[in-house]
């Protein structure tokens, strides 16, 4: 992970350090990868332009992590809705 820490993710998911640490780090890496691909830029480029990685971008990662953690299985009984905050949080940092 480049911008998030394991502790931040554990805090966001309200988990204690322990058995799922490797999985939590995997989710962090996955979320960062998804966000950086959406933004179409590097973390260094974003941090240089903004002075640091914006908190809104970090929070978009947390939204992904929370969703992936809560919905681990592909077969879900109820239909999952797309989080409507993801794009508004980070769209202004996207390079087209």
C-alpha atoms as a PDB file:
ATOM      1  CA  UNK A   1       0.000   0.000   0.000  1.00  0.00           C
ATOM      2  CA  UNK A   2       1.252   3.452  -0.832  1.00  0.00           C
ATOM      3  CA  UNK A   3      -1.143   5.930   0.777  1.00  0.00           C
ATOM      4  CA  UNK A   4      -3.064   3.992   3.418  1.00  0.00           C
ATOM      5  CA  UNK A   5      -1.807   2.231   6.509  1.00  0.00           C
ATOM      6  CA  UNK A   6      -3.046  -1.033   7.941  1.00  0.00           C
ATOM      7  CA  UNK A   7      -4.019   0.792  11.146  1.00  0.00           C
ATOM      8  CA  UNK A   8      -6.141   3.314   9.216  1.00  0.00           C
ATOM      9  CA  UNK A   9      -7.954   0.493   7.438  1.00  0.00           C
ATOM     10  CA  UNK A  10      -8.494  -1.462  10.647  1.00  0.00           C
ATOM     11  CA  UNK A  11      -9.894   1.670  12.273  1.00  0.00           C
ATOM     12  CA  UNK A  12     -12.191   2.332   9.319  1.00  0.00           C
ATOM     13  CA  UNK A  13     -13.520  -1.244   9.386  1.00  0.00           C
ATOM     14  CA  UNK A  14     -13.675  -1.165  13.203  1.00  0.00           C
ATOM     15  CA  UNK A  15     -11.452  -4.208  13.490  1.00  0.00           C
ATOM     16  CA  UNK A  16      -8.742  -5.191  15.910  1.00  0.00           C
ATOM     17  CA  UNK A  17      -5.317  -6.162  14.669  1.00  0.00           C
ATOM     18  CA  UNK A  18      -5.097  -9.893  14.269  1.00  0.00           C
ATOM     19  CA  UNK A  19      -6.093 -12.767  12.059  1.00  0.00           C
ATOM     20  CA  UNK A  20      -7.366 -10.764   9.083  1.00  0.00           C
ATOM     21  CA  UNK A  21      -4.369  -8.442   8.757  1.00  0.00           C
ATOM     22  CA  UNK A  22      -3.145  -9.992   5.499  1.00  0.00           C
ATOM     23  CA  UNK A  23      -6.637  -9.777   4.018  1.00  0.00           C
ATOM     24  CA  UNK A  24      -6.995  -6.165   5.150  1.00  0.00           C
ATOM     25  CA  UNK A  25      -3.693  -5.273   3.485  1.00  0.00           C
ATOM     26  CA  UNK A  26      -4.886  -7.039   0.327  1.00  0.00           C
ATOM     27  CA  UNK A  27      -8.067  -4.933   0.356  1.00  0.00           C
ATOM     28  CA  UNK A  28      -5.994  -1.787   0.836  1.00  0.00           C
ATOM     29  CA  UNK A  29      -3.820  -2.601  -2.167  1.00  0.00           C
ATOM     30  CA  UNK A  30      -6.878  -3.463  -4.254  1.00  0.00           C
ATOM     31  CA  UNK A  31      -8.649  -0.216  -3.345  1.00  0.00           C
ATOM     32  CA  UNK A  32      -5.576   1.897  -4.058  1.00  0.00           C
ATOM     33  CA  UNK A  33      -5.176   0.178  -7.423  1.00  0.00           C
ATOM     34  CA  UNK A  34      -8.817   0.780  -8.341  1.00  0.00           C
ATOM     35  CA  UNK A  35      -8.677   4.454  -7.367  1.00  0.00           C
ATOM     36  CA  UNK A  36      -5.386   5.204  -9.102  1.00  0.00           C
ATOM     37  CA  UNK A  37      -6.638   3.539 -12.295  1.00  0.00           C
ATOM     38  CA  UNK A  38      -9.824   5.617 -12.133  1.00  0.00           C
ATOM     39  CA  UNK A  39      -7.788   8.783 -11.595  1.00  0.00           C
ATOM     40  CA  UNK A  40      -5.498   7.898 -14.516  1.00  0.00           C
ATOM     41  CA  UNK A  41      -2.396   9.188 -12.740  1.00  0.00           C
ATOM     42  CA  UNK A  42       0.236   8.205 -10.191  1.00  0.00           C
ATOM     43  CA  UNK A  43       0.166   8.874  -6.447  1.00  0.00           C
ATOM     44  CA  UNK A  44       3.311  10.969  -6.805  1.00  0.00           C
ATOM     45  CA  UNK A  45       1.713  13.087  -9.545  1.00  0.00           C
ATOM     46  CA  UNK A  46      -1.410  13.625  -7.458  1.00  0.00           C
ATOM     47  CA  UNK A  47       0.537  14.464  -4.299  1.00  0.00           C
ATOM     48  CA  UNK A  48       2.813  16.868  -6.169  1.00  0.00           C
ATOM     49  CA  UNK A  49      -0.099  18.701  -7.784  1.00  0.00           C
ATOM     50  CA  UNK A  50      -2.220  18.878  -4.617  1.00  0.00           C
ATOM     51  CA  UNK A  51       0.567  19.156  -2.032  1.00  0.00           C
ATOM     52  CA  UNK A  52      -0.434  15.756  -0.628  1.00  0.00           C
ATOM     53  CA  UNK A  53      -2.881  12.977  -1.447  1.00  0.00           C
ATOM     54  CA  UNK A  54      -6.284  14.575  -0.758  1.00  0.00           C
ATOM     55  CA  UNK A  55      -8.358  13.151   2.083  1.00  0.00           C
ATOM     56  CA  UNK A  56     -11.283  12.708  -0.327  1.00  0.00           C
ATOM     57  CA  UNK A  57      -9.168  10.344  -2.413  1.00  0.00           C
ATOM     58  CA  UNK A  58      -8.178   8.375   0.675  1.00  0.00           C
ATOM     59  CA  UNK A  59     -11.820   8.194   1.703  1.00  0.00           C
ATOM     60  CA  UNK A  60     -12.756   6.810  -1.717  1.00  0.00           C
ATOM     61  CA  UNK A  61     -10.296   3.993  -0.957  1.00  0.00           C
ATOM     62  CA  UNK A  62     -12.017   3.405   2.387  1.00  0.00           C
ATOM     63  CA  UNK A  63     -15.408   3.168   0.644  1.00  0.00           C
ATOM     64  CA  UNK A  64     -14.052   0.437  -1.618  1.00  0.00           C
ATOM     65  CA  UNK A  65     -12.399  -1.387   1.275  1.00  0.00           C
ATOM     66  CA  UNK A  66     -15.570  -1.309   3.361  1.00  0.00           C
ATOM     67  CA  UNK A  67     -17.648  -2.616   0.493  1.00  0.00           C
ATOM     68  CA  UNK A  68     -15.181  -5.382  -0.367  1.00  0.00           C
ATOM     69  CA  UNK A  69     -14.848  -6.380   3.286  1.00  0.00           C
ATOM     70  CA  UNK A  70     -18.592  -6.489   3.894  1.00  0.00           C
ATOM     71  CA  UNK A  71     -19.382  -8.269   0.618  1.00  0.00           C
ATOM     72  CA  UNK A  72     -16.662 -10.904   0.370  1.00  0.00           C
ATOM     73  CA  UNK A  73     -18.651 -13.409  -1.642  1.00  0.00           C
ATOM     74  CA  UNK A  74     -19.746 -13.089  -5.261  1.00  0.00           C
ATOM     75  CA  UNK A  75     -23.112 -14.695  -4.487  1.00  0.00           C
ATOM     76  CA  UNK A  76     -25.058 -12.147  -2.471  1.00  0.00           C
ATOM     77  CA  UNK A  77     -28.693 -12.627  -1.474  1.00  0.00           C
ATOM     78  CA  UNK A  78     -29.597  -8.968  -1.886  1.00  0.00           C
ATOM     79  CA  UNK A  79     -28.546  -6.732  -4.745  1.00  0.00           C
ATOM     80  CA  UNK A  80     -25.738  -4.320  -3.887  1.00  0.00           C
ATOM     81  CA  UNK A  81     -26.101  -0.660  -4.823  1.00  0.00           C
ATOM     82  CA  UNK A  82     -23.173   1.326  -6.142  1.00  0.00           C
ATOM     83  CA  UNK A  83     -21.910   3.845  -3.621  1.00  0.00           C
ATOM     84  CA  UNK A  84     -22.963   7.212  -5.024  1.00  0.00           C
ATOM     85  CA  UNK A  85     -20.255   9.113  -3.156  1.00  0.00           C
ATOM     86  CA  UNK A  86     -17.261   7.491  -4.837  1.00  0.00           C
ATOM     87  CA  UNK A  87     -17.225   9.523  -8.052  1.00  0.00           C
ATOM     88  CA  UNK A  88     -18.123  12.909  -6.488  1.00  0.00           C
ATOM     89  CA  UNK A  89     -15.317  12.450  -3.960  1.00  0.00           C
ATOM     90  CA  UNK A  90     -12.568  12.053  -6.531  1.00  0.00           C
ATOM     91  CA  UNK A  91     -13.742  13.100  -9.987  1.00  0.00           C
ATOM     92  CA  UNK A  92     -12.054  16.514  -9.773  1.00  0.00           C
ATOM     93  CA  UNK A  93      -8.664  14.786  -9.369  1.00  0.00           C
ATOM     94  CA  UNK A  94      -9.109  12.612 -12.470  1.00  0.00           C
ATOM     95  CA  UNK A  95      -6.981  13.185 -15.555  1.00  0.00           C
ATOM     96  CA  UNK A  96      -8.753  12.567 -18.810  1.00  0.00           C
END
